[in-house]
Protein backbone atom coordinates (compact mmCIF):
# COMPACT_ATOMS: atom_id res chain seq x y z
CA UNK A 1 -0.07 -0.14 -0.20
CA UNK A 2 1.33 3.37 -0.80
CA UNK A 3 1.55 6.49 1.12
CA UNK A 4 -0.86 8.32 -0.97
CA UNK A 5 -3.50 4.40 -0.88
CA UNK A 6 -2.70 5.03 2.91
CA UNK A 7 -4.39 8.24 3.49
CA UNK A 8 -7.73 7.45 0.97
CA UNK A 9 -7.70 4.11 3.06
CA UNK A 10 -7.37 6.26 6.30
CA UNK A 11 -10.17 8.82 5.96
CA UNK A 12 -12.42 6.55 4.35
CA UNK A 13 -12.31 4.35 7.53
CA UNK A 14 -12.08 7.28 9.71
CA UNK A 15 -15.64 8.35 8.24
CA UNK A 16 -16.71 4.48 8.66
CA UNK A 17 -15.85 4.08 12.44
CA UNK A 18 -17.48 7.95 13.28
CA UNK A 19 -20.83 5.77 11.83
CA UNK A 20 -20.49 2.76 13.59
CA UNK A 21 -17.63 2.89 16.39
CA UNK A 22 -15.55 -0.06 17.11
CA UNK A 23 -16.35 -2.11 20.17
CA UNK A 24 -13.80 -4.50 21.39
CA UNK A 25 -12.66 -5.35 24.87
CA UNK A 26 -8.72 -3.81 26.09
CA UNK A 27 -7.73 -7.53 26.55
CA UNK A 28 -8.76 -8.50 22.57
CA UNK A 29 -7.38 -5.11 21.60
CA UNK A 30 -4.09 -5.60 23.20
CA UNK A 31 -3.89 -9.66 21.61
CA UNK A 32 -4.49 -8.31 18.82
CA UNK A 33 -2.29 -5.72 18.38
CA UNK A 34 0.48 -8.02 19.91
CA UNK A 35 -0.34 -10.45 17.27
CA UNK A 36 0.01 -8.38 14.29
CA UNK A 37 3.52 -6.58 15.48
CA UNK A 38 4.75 -10.52 15.61
CA UNK A 39 3.56 -10.93 12.84
CA UNK A 40 5.90 -8.25 10.91
CA UNK A 41 8.24 -6.68 13.35
CA UNK A 42 11.12 -9.14 13.23
CA UNK A 43 11.11 -9.47 9.33
CA UNK A 44 10.77 -5.52 8.71
CA UNK A 45 13.54 -5.00 11.46
CA UNK A 46 15.85 -7.42 9.45
CA UNK A 47 15.35 -6.03 5.80
CA UNK A 48 16.05 -3.08 7.20
CA UNK A 49 19.20 -3.89 8.68
CA UNK A 50 20.20 -5.99 5.90
CA UNK A 51 19.84 -2.51 4.04
CA UNK A 52 22.24 -1.15 5.83
CA UNK A 53 19.74 1.26 7.67
CA UNK A 54 20.98 3.28 10.41
CA UNK A 55 19.05 1.24 12.88
CA UNK A 56 20.62 2.96 16.37
CA UNK A 57 19.22 6.44 14.73
CA UNK A 58 15.79 4.70 13.50
CA UNK A 59 15.49 3.35 16.66
CA UNK A 60 15.86 6.26 18.77
CA UNK A 61 13.39 8.36 16.34
CA UNK A 62 10.98 5.76 16.91
CA UNK A 63 11.36 5.75 20.40
CA UNK A 64 11.11 9.04 20.94
CA UNK A 65 8.07 9.49 18.66
CA UNK A 66 6.53 7.03 20.76
CA UNK A 67 7.71 8.61 24.74
CA UNK A 68 5.91 12.02 23.35
CA UNK A 69 2.90 10.34 22.37
CA UNK A 70 3.01 11.02 18.84
CA UNK A 71 1.15 7.89 17.99
CA UNK A 72 0.15 8.46 14.57
CA UNK A 73 3.51 10.09 13.67
CA UNK A 74 5.00 6.76 15.28
CA UNK A 75 2.46 4.96 12.90
CA UNK A 76 3.02 7.17 9.74
CA UNK A 77 6.89 6.99 10.42
CA UNK A 78 6.65 2.77 10.41
CA UNK A 79 4.95 2.99 6.81
CA UNK A 80 7.43 5.48 5.09
CA UNK A 81 10.48 3.22 6.40
CA UNK A 82 8.41 -0.16 4.72
CA UNK A 83 7.77 1.95 2.00
CA UNK A 84 11.31 2.96 1.31
CA UNK A 85 12.66 -1.11 1.48
CA UNK A 86 9.13 -2.41 -0.55
CA UNK A 87 8.20 -4.39 2.91
CA UNK A 88 4.11 -5.29 2.76
CA UNK A 89 2.61 -4.49 6.14
CA UNK A 90 -0.33 -6.67 6.90
CA UNK A 91 -3.69 -5.53 5.98
CA UNK A 92 -4.87 -5.95 9.62
CA UNK A 93 -1.90 -2.98 10.31
CA UNK A 94 -3.71 -0.56 8.42
CA UNK A 95 -7.05 -1.92 9.70
CA UNK A 96 -5.90 -1.13 13.63
CA UNK A 97 -3.73 1.88 12.62
CA UNK A 98 -7.18 4.30 11.78
CA UNK A 99 -8.68 3.71 15.15
CA UNK A 100 -8.05 6.10 17.65
CA UNK A 101 -8.81 3.34 20.30
CA UNK A 102 -6.25 0.77 18.69
CA UNK A 103 -3.42 3.09 17.92
CA UNK A 104 -1.52 3.29 21.00
CA UNK A 105 -1.87 -0.37 21.86
CA UNK A 106 -0.26 -1.02 18.18
CA UNK A 107 2.02 1.33 18.23
CA UNK A 108 3.47 -0.17 22.06
CA UNK A 109 3.26 -3.56 20.95
CA UNK A 110 5.58 -2.10 17.98
CA UNK A 111 7.95 -0.20 19.82
CA UNK A 112 8.13 -3.22 22.49
CA UNK A 113 9.20 -5.94 19.49
CA UNK A 114 11.60 -3.39 17.93
CA UNK A 115 13.30 -2.73 21.26
CA UNK A 116 13.42 -6.59 21.87
CA UNK A 117 14.98 -7.03 18.21
CA UNK A 118 17.32 -3.93 18.52
CA UNK A 119 18.88 -5.50 21.56
CA UNK A 120 19.08 -9.12 19.45
CA UNK A 121 20.94 -7.25 17.00
CA UNK A 122 23.38 -4.95 18.93
CA UNK A 123 25.08 -8.13 20.20
CA UNK A 124 25.06 -9.27 16.48
CA UNK A 125 26.59 -5.72 15.75
CA UNK A 126 29.26 -5.85 18.37
CA UNK A 127 30.66 -9.15 17.39
CA UNK A 128 33.91 -8.87 16.55
CA UNK A 129 34.65 -9.26 12.54
CA UNK A 130 38.27 -10.63 11.52
CA UNK A 131 39.59 -9.71 7.90
């Protein structure tokens, strides 16, 4: 999905949510957010890493967006990064990202997974390379 398609999808989805609000339990929403994040975060992080993106800088920026509560900016940045490496995010990611109720849960799950993978790859980067 391109950025333009996402914006159109987002606007259409927002209108539909206003007409018929989404009703889910918090436990179900948290579980769904973790399932969605778990379905793509690791391969996405690995793709970025293999394409020599500055992972420390990206991680710091994602953490900053999350820490200051900019959940929409966080999600938009994920979409931009995915687009930059032609990584296909799952449809459920897009569906959850249009809900003001679900977006904080989705971004929390993603940042949690992202930081976990960042720590794993940090250990790989610290391994000496003998030339």
